[in-house]
Amino acid sequence: GSSGRVFPADMKAAPLLRAWLKRLR
């Protein structure tokens, strides 16, 4: 972002967590 903060492309946490938990399983 303009302030230097990094975000997922869709700005959401849930898709990231779902993909992560799938990997862990």
mmCIF file of all heavy atoms, coordinates in Angstrom:
data_MODEL
# 
_entry.id   MODEL 
# 
loop_
_atom_site.group_PDB 
_atom_site.id 
_atom_site.type_symbol 
_atom_site.label_atom_id 
_atom_site.label_alt_id 
_atom_site.label_comp_id 
_atom_site.label_asym_id 
_atom_site.label_entity_id 
_atom_site.label_seq_id 
_atom_site.pdbx_PDB_ins_code 
_atom_site.Cartn_x 
_atom_site.Cartn_y 
_atom_site.Cartn_z 
_atom_site.occupancy 
_atom_site.B_iso_or_equiv 
_atom_site.pdbx_formal_charge 
_atom_site.auth_seq_id 
_atom_site.auth_comp_id 
_atom_site.auth_asym_id 
_atom_site.auth_atom_id 
_atom_site.pdbx_PDB_model_num 
ATOM 1   N N   . GLY A 1 1  ? 0.811   -1.202  0.000  1.00 0.00 ? 1  GLY A N   1 
ATOM 2   C CA  . GLY A 1 1  ? 0.000   0.000   0.000  1.00 0.00 ? 1  GLY A CA  1 
ATOM 3   C C   . GLY A 1 1  ? 0.850   1.260   0.000  1.00 0.00 ? 1  GLY A C   1 
ATOM 4   O O   . GLY A 1 1  ? 2.081   1.210   0.101  1.00 0.00 ? 1  GLY A O   1 
ATOM 5   N N   . SER A 1 2  ? 0.206   2.405   -0.097 1.00 0.00 ? 2  SER A N   1 
ATOM 6   C CA  . SER A 1 2  ? 0.922   3.683   -0.183 1.00 0.00 ? 2  SER A CA  1 
ATOM 7   C C   . SER A 1 2  ? 1.748   3.970   1.064  1.00 0.00 ? 2  SER A C   1 
ATOM 8   O O   . SER A 1 2  ? 2.749   4.687   1.005  1.00 0.00 ? 2  SER A O   1 
ATOM 9   C CB  . SER A 1 2  ? -0.083  4.820   -0.420 1.00 0.00 ? 2  SER A CB  1 
ATOM 10  O OG  . SER A 1 2  ? -1.046  4.860   0.635  1.00 0.00 ? 2  SER A OG  1 
ATOM 11  N N   . SER A 1 3  ? 1.358   3.393   2.210  1.00 0.00 ? 3  SER A N   1 
ATOM 12  C CA  . SER A 1 3  ? 2.097   3.615   3.458  1.00 0.00 ? 3  SER A CA  1 
ATOM 13  C C   . SER A 1 3  ? 3.217   2.605   3.665  1.00 0.00 ? 3  SER A C   1 
ATOM 14  O O   . SER A 1 3  ? 3.927   2.665   4.669  1.00 0.00 ? 3  SER A O   1 
ATOM 15  C CB  . SER A 1 3  ? 1.127   3.544   4.642  1.00 0.00 ? 3  SER A CB  1 
ATOM 16  O OG  . SER A 1 3  ? 0.591   2.230   4.761  1.00 0.00 ? 3  SER A OG  1 
ATOM 17  N N   . GLY A 1 4  ? 3.382   1.668   2.715  1.00 0.00 ? 4  GLY A N   1 
ATOM 18  C CA  . GLY A 1 4  ? 4.395   0.633   2.862  1.00 0.00 ? 4  GLY A CA  1 
ATOM 19  C C   . GLY A 1 4  ? 3.875   -0.642  3.490  1.00 0.00 ? 4  GLY A C   1 
ATOM 20  O O   . GLY A 1 4  ? 4.594   -1.642  3.562  1.00 0.00 ? 4  GLY A O   1 
ATOM 21  N N   . ARG A 1 5  ? 2.623   -0.631  3.933  1.00 0.00 ? 5  ARG A N   1 
ATOM 22  C CA  . ARG A 1 5  ? 2.048   -1.836  4.523  1.00 0.00 ? 5  ARG A CA  1 
ATOM 23  C C   . ARG A 1 5  ? 1.736   -2.867  3.444  1.00 0.00 ? 5  ARG A C   1 
ATOM 24  O O   . ARG A 1 5  ? 1.349   -2.510  2.339  1.00 0.00 ? 5  ARG A O   1 
ATOM 25  C CB  . ARG A 1 5  ? 0.778   -1.491  5.305  1.00 0.00 ? 5  ARG A CB  1 
ATOM 26  C CG  . ARG A 1 5  ? 1.030   -0.542  6.471  1.00 0.00 ? 5  ARG A CG  1 
ATOM 27  C CD  . ARG A 1 5  ? -0.226  -0.288  7.278  1.00 0.00 ? 5  ARG A CD  1 
ATOM 28  N NE  . ARG A 1 5  ? 0.034   0.611   8.401  1.00 0.00 ? 5  ARG A NE  1 
ATOM 29  C CZ  . ARG A 1 5  ? -0.689  0.659   9.501  1.00 0.00 ? 5  ARG A CZ  1 
ATOM 30  N NH1 . ARG A 1 5  ? -1.739  -0.150  9.635  1.00 0.00 ? 5  ARG A NH1 1 
ATOM 31  N NH2 . ARG A 1 5  ? -0.393  1.489   10.472 1.00 0.00 ? 5  ARG A NH2 1 
ATOM 32  N N   . VAL A 1 6  ? 1.908   -4.134  3.790  1.00 0.00 ? 6  VAL A N   1 
ATOM 33  C CA  . VAL A 1 6  ? 1.709   -5.230  2.832  1.00 0.00 ? 6  VAL A CA  1 
ATOM 34  C C   . VAL A 1 6  ? 0.396   -5.936  3.147  1.00 0.00 ? 6  VAL A C   1 
ATOM 35  O O   . VAL A 1 6  ? 0.126   -6.289  4.307  1.00 0.00 ? 6  VAL A O   1 
ATOM 36  C CB  . VAL A 1 6  ? 2.878   -6.225  2.898  1.00 0.00 ? 6  VAL A CB  1 
ATOM 37  C CG1 . VAL A 1 6  ? 2.638   -7.403  1.955  1.00 0.00 ? 6  VAL A CG1 1 
ATOM 38  C CG2 . VAL A 1 6  ? 4.191   -5.524  2.563  1.00 0.00 ? 6  VAL A CG2 1 
ATOM 39  N N   . PHE A 1 7  ? -0.409  -6.168  2.103  1.00 0.00 ? 7  PHE A N   1 
ATOM 40  C CA  . PHE A 1 7  ? -1.720  -6.791  2.244  1.00 0.00 ? 7  PHE A CA  1 
ATOM 41  C C   . PHE A 1 7  ? -1.867  -7.934  1.237  1.00 0.00 ? 7  PHE A C   1 
ATOM 42  O O   . PHE A 1 7  ? -1.269  -7.895  0.159  1.00 0.00 ? 7  PHE A O   1 
ATOM 43  C CB  . PHE A 1 7  ? -2.839  -5.778  1.959  1.00 0.00 ? 7  PHE A CB  1 
ATOM 44  C CG  . PHE A 1 7  ? -2.846  -4.579  2.846  1.00 0.00 ? 7  PHE A CG  1 
ATOM 45  C CD1 . PHE A 1 7  ? -2.114  -3.448  2.506  1.00 0.00 ? 7  PHE A CD1 1 
ATOM 46  C CD2 . PHE A 1 7  ? -3.594  -4.566  4.013  1.00 0.00 ? 7  PHE A CD2 1 
ATOM 47  C CE1 . PHE A 1 7  ? -2.128  -2.320  3.323  1.00 0.00 ? 7  PHE A CE1 1 
ATOM 48  C CE2 . PHE A 1 7  ? -3.611  -3.445  4.829  1.00 0.00 ? 7  PHE A CE2 1 
ATOM 49  C CZ  . PHE A 1 7  ? -2.877  -2.330  4.491  1.00 0.00 ? 7  PHE A CZ  1 
ATOM 50  N N   . PRO A 1 8  ? -2.690  -8.945  1.570  1.00 0.00 ? 8  PRO A N   1 
ATOM 51  C CA  . PRO A 1 8  ? -3.110  -9.884  0.519  1.00 0.00 ? 8  PRO A CA  1 
ATOM 52  C C   . PRO A 1 8  ? -3.893  -9.132  -0.549 1.00 0.00 ? 8  PRO A C   1 
ATOM 53  O O   . PRO A 1 8  ? -4.505  -8.096  -0.260 1.00 0.00 ? 8  PRO A O   1 
ATOM 54  C CB  . PRO A 1 8  ? -4.012  -10.876 1.266  1.00 0.00 ? 8  PRO A CB  1 
ATOM 55  C CG  . PRO A 1 8  ? -3.693  -10.690 2.718  1.00 0.00 ? 8  PRO A CG  1 
ATOM 56  C CD  . PRO A 1 8  ? -3.267  -9.264  2.878  1.00 0.00 ? 8  PRO A CD  1 
ATOM 57  N N   . ALA A 1 9  ? -3.869  -9.652  -1.766 1.00 0.00 ? 9  ALA A N   1 
ATOM 58  C CA  . ALA A 1 9  ? -4.510  -8.947  -2.883 1.00 0.00 ? 9  ALA A CA  1 
ATOM 59  C C   . ALA A 1 9  ? -5.973  -8.642  -2.622 1.00 0.00 ? 9  ALA A C   1 
ATOM 60  O O   . ALA A 1 9  ? -6.478  -7.584  -3.017 1.00 0.00 ? 9  ALA A O   1 
ATOM 61  C CB  . ALA A 1 9  ? -4.358  -9.754  -4.171 1.00 0.00 ? 9  ALA A CB  1 
ATOM 62  N N   . ASP A 1 10 ? -6.683  -9.549  -1.943 1.00 0.00 ? 10 ASP A N   1 
ATOM 63  C CA  . ASP A 1 10 ? -8.103  -9.317  -1.667 1.00 0.00 ? 10 ASP A CA  1 
ATOM 64  C C   . ASP A 1 10 ? -8.336  -8.668  -0.307 1.00 0.00 ? 10 ASP A C   1 
ATOM 65  O O   . ASP A 1 10 ? -9.487  -8.490  0.111  1.00 0.00 ? 10 ASP A O   1 
ATOM 66  C CB  . ASP A 1 10 ? -8.898  -10.617 -1.769 1.00 0.00 ? 10 ASP A CB  1 
ATOM 67  C CG  . ASP A 1 10 ? -8.463  -11.648 -0.729 1.00 0.00 ? 10 ASP A CG  1 
ATOM 68  O OD1 . ASP A 1 10 ? -7.557  -11.355 0.075  1.00 0.00 ? 10 ASP A OD1 1 
ATOM 69  O OD2 . ASP A 1 10 ? -9.042  -12.753 -0.727 1.00 0.00 ? 10 ASP A OD2 1 
ATOM 70  N N   . MET A 1 11 ? -7.245  -8.332  0.413  1.00 0.00 ? 11 MET A N   1 
ATOM 71  C CA  . MET A 1 11 ? -7.305  -7.643  1.711  1.00 0.00 ? 11 MET A CA  1 
ATOM 72  C C   . MET A 1 11 ? -7.835  -8.517  2.844  1.00 0.00 ? 11 MET A C   1 
ATOM 73  O O   . MET A 1 11 ? -7.982  -8.052  3.968  1.00 0.00 ? 11 MET A O   1 
ATOM 74  C CB  . MET A 1 11 ? -8.164  -6.370  1.623  1.00 0.00 ? 11 MET A CB  1 
ATOM 75  C CG  . MET A 1 11 ? -7.695  -5.327  0.638  1.00 0.00 ? 11 MET A CG  1 
ATOM 76  S SD  . MET A 1 11 ? -6.224  -4.470  1.211  1.00 0.00 ? 11 MET A SD  1 
ATOM 77  C CE  . MET A 1 11 ? -6.921  -3.418  2.488  1.00 0.00 ? 11 MET A CE  1 
ATOM 78  N N   . LYS A 1 12 ? -8.130  -9.782  2.577  1.00 0.00 ? 12 LYS A N   1 
ATOM 79  C CA  . LYS A 1 12 ? -8.827  -10.614 3.557  1.00 0.00 ? 12 LYS A CA  1 
ATOM 80  C C   . LYS A 1 12 ? -7.896  -11.627 4.221  1.00 0.00 ? 12 LYS A C   1 
ATOM 81  O O   . LYS A 1 12 ? -6.960  -12.131 3.611  1.00 0.00 ? 12 LYS A O   1 
ATOM 82  C CB  . LYS A 1 12 ? -9.990  -11.346 2.890  1.00 0.00 ? 12 LYS A CB  1 
ATOM 83  C CG  . LYS A 1 12 ? -11.062 -10.413 2.335  1.00 0.00 ? 12 LYS A CG  1 
ATOM 84  C CD  . LYS A 1 12 ? -12.150 -11.189 1.619  1.00 0.00 ? 12 LYS A CD  1 
ATOM 85  C CE  . LYS A 1 12 ? -13.211 -10.260 1.047  1.00 0.00 ? 12 LYS A CE  1 
ATOM 86  N NZ  . LYS A 1 12 ? -14.259 -11.008 0.310  1.00 0.00 ? 12 LYS A NZ  1 
ATOM 87  N N   . ALA A 1 13 ? -8.201  -11.937 5.488  1.00 0.00 ? 13 ALA A N   1 
ATOM 88  C CA  . ALA A 1 13 ? -7.425  -12.931 6.230  1.00 0.00 ? 13 ALA A CA  1 
ATOM 89  C C   . ALA A 1 13 ? -7.956  -14.344 6.036  1.00 0.00 ? 13 ALA A C   1 
ATOM 90  O O   . ALA A 1 13 ? -7.185  -15.309 6.057  1.00 0.00 ? 13 ALA A O   1 
ATOM 91  C CB  . ALA A 1 13 ? -7.443  -12.582 7.728  1.00 0.00 ? 13 ALA A CB  1 
ATOM 92  N N   . ALA A 1 14 ? -9.274  -14.495 5.858  1.00 0.00 ? 14 ALA A N   1 
ATOM 93  C CA  . ALA A 1 14 ? -9.881  -15.826 5.836  1.00 0.00 ? 14 ALA A CA  1 
ATOM 94  C C   . ALA A 1 14 ? -9.352  -16.719 4.714  1.00 0.00 ? 14 ALA A C   1 
ATOM 95  O O   . ALA A 1 14 ? -9.046  -17.895 4.958  1.00 0.00 ? 14 ALA A O   1 
ATOM 96  C CB  . ALA A 1 14 ? -11.401 -15.701 5.767  1.00 0.00 ? 14 ALA A CB  1 
ATOM 97  N N   . PRO A 1 15 ? -9.215  -16.231 3.468  1.00 0.00 ? 15 PRO A N   1 
ATOM 98  C CA  . PRO A 1 15 ? -8.683  -17.114 2.423  1.00 0.00 ? 15 PRO A CA  1 
ATOM 99  C C   . PRO A 1 15 ? -7.263  -17.594 2.724  1.00 0.00 ? 15 PRO A C   1 
ATOM 100 O O   . PRO A 1 15 ? -6.913  -18.748 2.445  1.00 0.00 ? 15 PRO A O   1 
ATOM 101 C CB  . PRO A 1 15 ? -8.722  -16.232 1.169  1.00 0.00 ? 15 PRO A CB  1 
ATOM 102 C CG  . PRO A 1 15 ? -9.776  -15.213 1.450  1.00 0.00 ? 15 PRO A CG  1 
ATOM 103 C CD  . PRO A 1 15 ? -9.673  -14.937 2.911  1.00 0.00 ? 15 PRO A CD  1 
ATOM 104 N N   . LEU A 1 16 ? -6.458  -16.719 3.300  1.00 0.00 ? 16 LEU A N   1 
ATOM 105 C CA  . LEU A 1 16 ? -5.093  -17.099 3.660  1.00 0.00 ? 16 LEU A CA  1 
ATOM 106 C C   . LEU A 1 16 ? -5.117  -18.200 4.713  1.00 0.00 ? 16 LEU A C   1 
ATOM 107 O O   . LEU A 1 16 ? -4.406  -19.210 4.597  1.00 0.00 ? 16 LEU A O   1 
ATOM 108 C CB  . LEU A 1 16 ? -4.339  -15.865 4.171  1.00 0.00 ? 16 LEU A CB  1 
ATOM 109 C CG  . LEU A 1 16 ? -2.819  -15.952 4.342  1.00 0.00 ? 16 LEU A CG  1 
ATOM 110 C CD1 . LEU A 1 16 ? -2.205  -14.558 4.351  1.00 0.00 ? 16 LEU A CD1 1 
ATOM 111 C CD2 . LEU A 1 16 ? -2.426  -16.667 5.622  1.00 0.00 ? 16 LEU A CD2 1 
ATOM 112 N N   . LEU A 1 17 ? -5.935  -18.021 5.747  1.00 0.00 ? 17 LEU A N   1 
ATOM 113 C CA  . LEU A 1 17 ? -6.012  -19.023 6.809  1.00 0.00 ? 17 LEU A CA  1 
ATOM 114 C C   . LEU A 1 17 ? -6.544  -20.351 6.282  1.00 0.00 ? 17 LEU A C   1 
ATOM 115 O O   . LEU A 1 17 ? -6.034  -21.419 6.652  1.00 0.00 ? 17 LEU A O   1 
ATOM 116 C CB  . LEU A 1 17 ? -6.889  -18.504 7.953  1.00 0.00 ? 17 LEU A CB  1 
ATOM 117 C CG  . LEU A 1 17 ? -6.987  -19.415 9.185  1.00 0.00 ? 17 LEU A CG  1 
ATOM 118 C CD1 . LEU A 1 17 ? -5.618  -19.656 9.811  1.00 0.00 ? 17 LEU A CD1 1 
ATOM 119 C CD2 . LEU A 1 17 ? -7.950  -18.830 10.219 1.00 0.00 ? 17 LEU A CD2 1 
ATOM 120 N N   . ARG A 1 18 ? -7.544  -20.309 5.410  1.00 0.00 ? 18 ARG A N   1 
ATOM 121 C CA  . ARG A 1 18 ? -8.086  -21.550 4.840  1.00 0.00 ? 18 ARG A CA  1 
ATOM 122 C C   . ARG A 1 18 ? -7.018  -22.309 4.053  1.00 0.00 ? 18 ARG A C   1 
ATOM 123 O O   . ARG A 1 18 ? -6.871  -23.530 4.184  1.00 0.00 ? 18 ARG A O   1 
ATOM 124 C CB  . ARG A 1 18 ? -9.285  -21.243 3.939  1.00 0.00 ? 18 ARG A CB  1 
ATOM 125 C CG  . ARG A 1 18 ? -10.572 -20.967 4.688  1.00 0.00 ? 18 ARG A CG  1 
ATOM 126 C CD  . ARG A 1 18 ? -11.775 -21.074 3.764  1.00 0.00 ? 18 ARG A CD  1 
ATOM 127 N NE  . ARG A 1 18 ? -11.713 -20.128 2.663  1.00 0.00 ? 18 ARG A NE  1 
ATOM 128 C CZ  . ARG A 1 18 ? -12.227 -18.904 2.716  1.00 0.00 ? 18 ARG A CZ  1 
ATOM 129 N NH1 . ARG A 1 18 ? -12.838 -18.483 3.810  1.00 0.00 ? 18 ARG A NH1 1 
ATOM 130 N NH2 . ARG A 1 18 ? -12.151 -18.104 1.663  1.00 0.00 ? 18 ARG A NH2 1 
ATOM 131 N N   . ALA A 1 19 ? -6.274  -21.581 3.224  1.00 0.00 ? 19 ALA A N   1 
ATOM 132 C CA  . ALA A 1 19 ? -5.221  -22.227 2.430  1.00 0.00 ? 19 ALA A CA  1 
ATOM 133 C C   . ALA A 1 19 ? -4.143  -22.805 3.332  1.00 0.00 ? 19 ALA A C   1 
ATOM 134 O O   . ALA A 1 19 ? -3.604  -23.892 3.074  1.00 0.00 ? 19 ALA A O   1 
ATOM 135 C CB  . ALA A 1 19 ? -4.617  -21.222 1.454  1.00 0.00 ? 19 ALA A CB  1 
ATOM 136 N N   . TRP A 1 20 ? -3.831  -22.101 4.397  1.00 0.00 ? 20 TRP A N   1 
ATOM 137 C CA  . TRP A 1 20 ? -2.802  -22.536 5.340  1.00 0.00 ? 20 TRP A CA  1 
ATOM 138 C C   . TRP A 1 20 ? -3.242  -23.807 6.074  1.00 0.00 ? 20 TRP A C   1 
ATOM 139 O O   . TRP A 1 20 ? -2.490  -24.776 6.187  1.00 0.00 ? 20 TRP A O   1 
ATOM 140 C CB  . TRP A 1 20 ? -2.514  -21.414 6.309  1.00 0.00 ? 20 TRP A CB  1 
ATOM 141 C CG  . TRP A 1 20 ? -1.277  -21.579 7.134  1.00 0.00 ? 20 TRP A CG  1 
ATOM 142 C CD1 . TRP A 1 20 ? -0.327  -22.550 7.033  1.00 0.00 ? 20 TRP A CD1 1 
ATOM 143 C CD2 . TRP A 1 20 ? -0.860  -20.722 8.189  1.00 0.00 ? 20 TRP A CD2 1 
ATOM 144 N NE1 . TRP A 1 20 ? 0.671   -22.348 7.962  1.00 0.00 ? 20 TRP A NE1 1 
ATOM 145 C CE2 . TRP A 1 20 ? 0.359   -21.231 8.675  1.00 0.00 ? 20 TRP A CE2 1 
ATOM 146 C CE3 . TRP A 1 20 ? -1.390  -19.564 8.764  1.00 0.00 ? 20 TRP A CE3 1 
ATOM 147 C CZ2 . TRP A 1 20 ? 1.052   -20.626 9.727  1.00 0.00 ? 20 TRP A CZ2 1 
ATOM 148 C CZ3 . TRP A 1 20 ? -0.704  -18.958 9.796  1.00 0.00 ? 20 TRP A CZ3 1 
ATOM 149 C CH2 . TRP A 1 20 ? 0.510   -19.476 10.277 1.00 0.00 ? 20 TRP A CH2 1 
ATOM 150 N N   . LEU A 1 21 ? -4.459  -23.810 6.566  1.00 0.00 ? 21 LEU A N   1 
ATOM 151 C CA  . LEU A 1 21 ? -4.953  -24.986 7.285  1.00 0.00 ? 21 LEU A CA  1 
ATOM 152 C C   . LEU A 1 21 ? -5.050  -26.202 6.365  1.00 0.00 ? 21 LEU A C   1 
ATOM 153 O O   . LEU A 1 21 ? -4.803  -27.336 6.798  1.00 0.00 ? 21 LEU A O   1 
ATOM 154 C CB  . LEU A 1 21 ? -6.313  -24.676 7.920  1.00 0.00 ? 21 LEU A CB  1 
ATOM 155 C CG  . LEU A 1 21 ? -6.292  -23.637 9.047  1.00 0.00 ? 21 LEU A CG  1 
ATOM 156 C CD1 . LEU A 1 21 ? -7.701  -23.359 9.549  1.00 0.00 ? 21 LEU A CD1 1 
ATOM 157 C CD2 . LEU A 1 21 ? -5.408  -24.106 10.203 1.00 0.00 ? 21 LEU A CD2 1 
ATOM 158 N N   . LYS A 1 22 ? -5.391  -25.970 5.108  1.00 0.00 ? 22 LYS A N   1 
ATOM 159 C CA  . LYS A 1 22 ? -5.404  -27.074 4.136  1.00 0.00 ? 22 LYS A CA  1 
ATOM 160 C C   . LYS A 1 22 ? -4.002  -27.661 3.996  1.00 0.00 ? 22 LYS A C   1 
ATOM 161 O O   . LYS A 1 22 ? -3.819  -28.892 3.992  1.00 0.00 ? 22 LYS A O   1 
ATOM 162 C CB  . LYS A 1 22 ? -5.908  -26.573 2.782  1.00 0.00 ? 22 LYS A CB  1 
ATOM 163 C CG  . LYS A 1 22 ? -5.946  -27.637 1.680  1.00 0.00 ? 22 LYS A CG  1 
ATOM 164 C CD  . LYS A 1 22 ? -6.531  -27.049 0.407  1.00 0.00 ? 22 LYS A CD  1 
ATOM 165 C CE  . LYS A 1 22 ? -6.624  -28.107 -0.700 1.00 0.00 ? 22 LYS A CE  1 
ATOM 166 N NZ  . LYS A 1 22 ? -5.289  -28.492 -1.197 1.00 0.00 ? 22 LYS A NZ  1 
ATOM 167 N N   . ARG A 1 23 ? -2.991  -26.798 3.917  1.00 0.00 ? 23 ARG A N   1 
ATOM 168 C CA  . ARG A 1 23 ? -1.612  -27.278 3.831  1.00 0.00 ? 23 ARG A CA  1 
ATOM 169 C C   . ARG A 1 23 ? -1.235  -28.079 5.068  1.00 0.00 ? 23 ARG A C   1 
ATOM 170 O O   . ARG A 1 23 ? -0.609  -29.141 4.966  1.00 0.00 ? 23 ARG A O   1 
ATOM 171 C CB  . ARG A 1 23 ? -0.657  -26.097 3.652  1.00 0.00 ? 23 ARG A CB  1 
ATOM 172 C CG  . ARG A 1 23 ? 0.814   -26.494 3.715  1.00 0.00 ? 23 ARG A CG  1 
ATOM 173 C CD  . ARG A 1 23 ? 1.733   -25.296 3.703  1.00 0.00 ? 23 ARG A CD  1 
ATOM 174 N NE  . ARG A 1 23 ? 1.785   -24.676 2.379  1.00 0.00 ? 23 ARG A NE  1 
ATOM 175 C CZ  . ARG A 1 23 ? 2.508   -23.582 2.104  1.00 0.00 ? 23 ARG A CZ  1 
ATOM 176 N NH1 . ARG A 1 23 ? 3.207   -22.986 3.066  1.00 0.00 ? 23 ARG A NH1 1 
ATOM 177 N NH2 . ARG A 1 23 ? 2.537   -23.086 0.886  1.00 0.00 ? 23 ARG A NH2 1 
ATOM 178 N N   . LEU A 1 24 ? -1.610  -27.583 6.244  1.00 0.00 ? 24 LEU A N   1 
ATOM 179 C CA  . LEU A 1 24 ? -1.259  -28.280 7.484  1.00 0.00 ? 24 LEU A CA  1 
ATOM 180 C C   . LEU A 1 24 ? -1.934  -29.647 7.560  1.00 0.00 ? 24 LEU A C   1 
ATOM 181 O O   . LEU A 1 24 ? -1.318  -30.630 7.999  1.00 0.00 ? 24 LEU A O   1 
ATOM 182 C CB  . LEU A 1 24 ? -1.644  -27.426 8.698  1.00 0.00 ? 24 LEU A CB  1 
ATOM 183 C CG  . LEU A 1 24 ? -0.842  -26.125 8.875  1.00 0.00 ? 24 LEU A CG  1 
ATOM 184 C CD1 . LEU A 1 24 ? -1.374  -25.328 10.065 1.00 0.00 ? 24 LEU A CD1 1 
ATOM 185 C CD2 . LEU A 1 24 ? 0.636   -26.422 9.072  1.00 0.00 ? 24 LEU A CD2 1 
ATOM 186 N N   . ARG A 1 25 ? -3.183  -29.716 7.144  1.00 0.00 ? 25 ARG A N   1 
ATOM 187 C CA  . ARG A 1 25 ? -3.871  -31.017 7.129  1.00 0.00 ? 25 ARG A CA  1 
ATOM 188 C C   . ARG A 1 25 ? -3.154  -31.994 6.195  1.00 0.00 ? 25 ARG A C   1 
ATOM 189 O O   . ARG A 1 25 ? -2.965  -33.174 6.530  1.00 0.00 ? 25 ARG A O   1 
ATOM 190 C CB  . ARG A 1 25 ? -5.328  -30.846 6.692  1.00 0.00 ? 25 ARG A CB  1 
ATOM 191 C CG  . ARG A 1 25 ? -6.229  -30.229 7.750  1.00 0.00 ? 25 ARG A CG  1 
ATOM 192 C CD  . ARG A 1 25 ? -7.697  -30.380 7.392  1.00 0.00 ? 25 ARG A CD  1 
ATOM 193 N NE  . ARG A 1 25 ? -8.034  -29.703 6.144  1.00 0.00 ? 25 ARG A NE  1 
ATOM 194 C CZ  . ARG A 1 25 ? -8.434  -28.434 6.070  1.00 0.00 ? 25 ARG A CZ  1 
ATOM 195 N NH1 . ARG A 1 25 ? -8.556  -27.717 7.169  1.00 0.00 ? 25 ARG A NH1 1 
ATOM 196 N NH2 . ARG A 1 25 ? -8.740  -27.896 4.893  1.00 0.00 ? 25 ARG A NH2 1 
# 
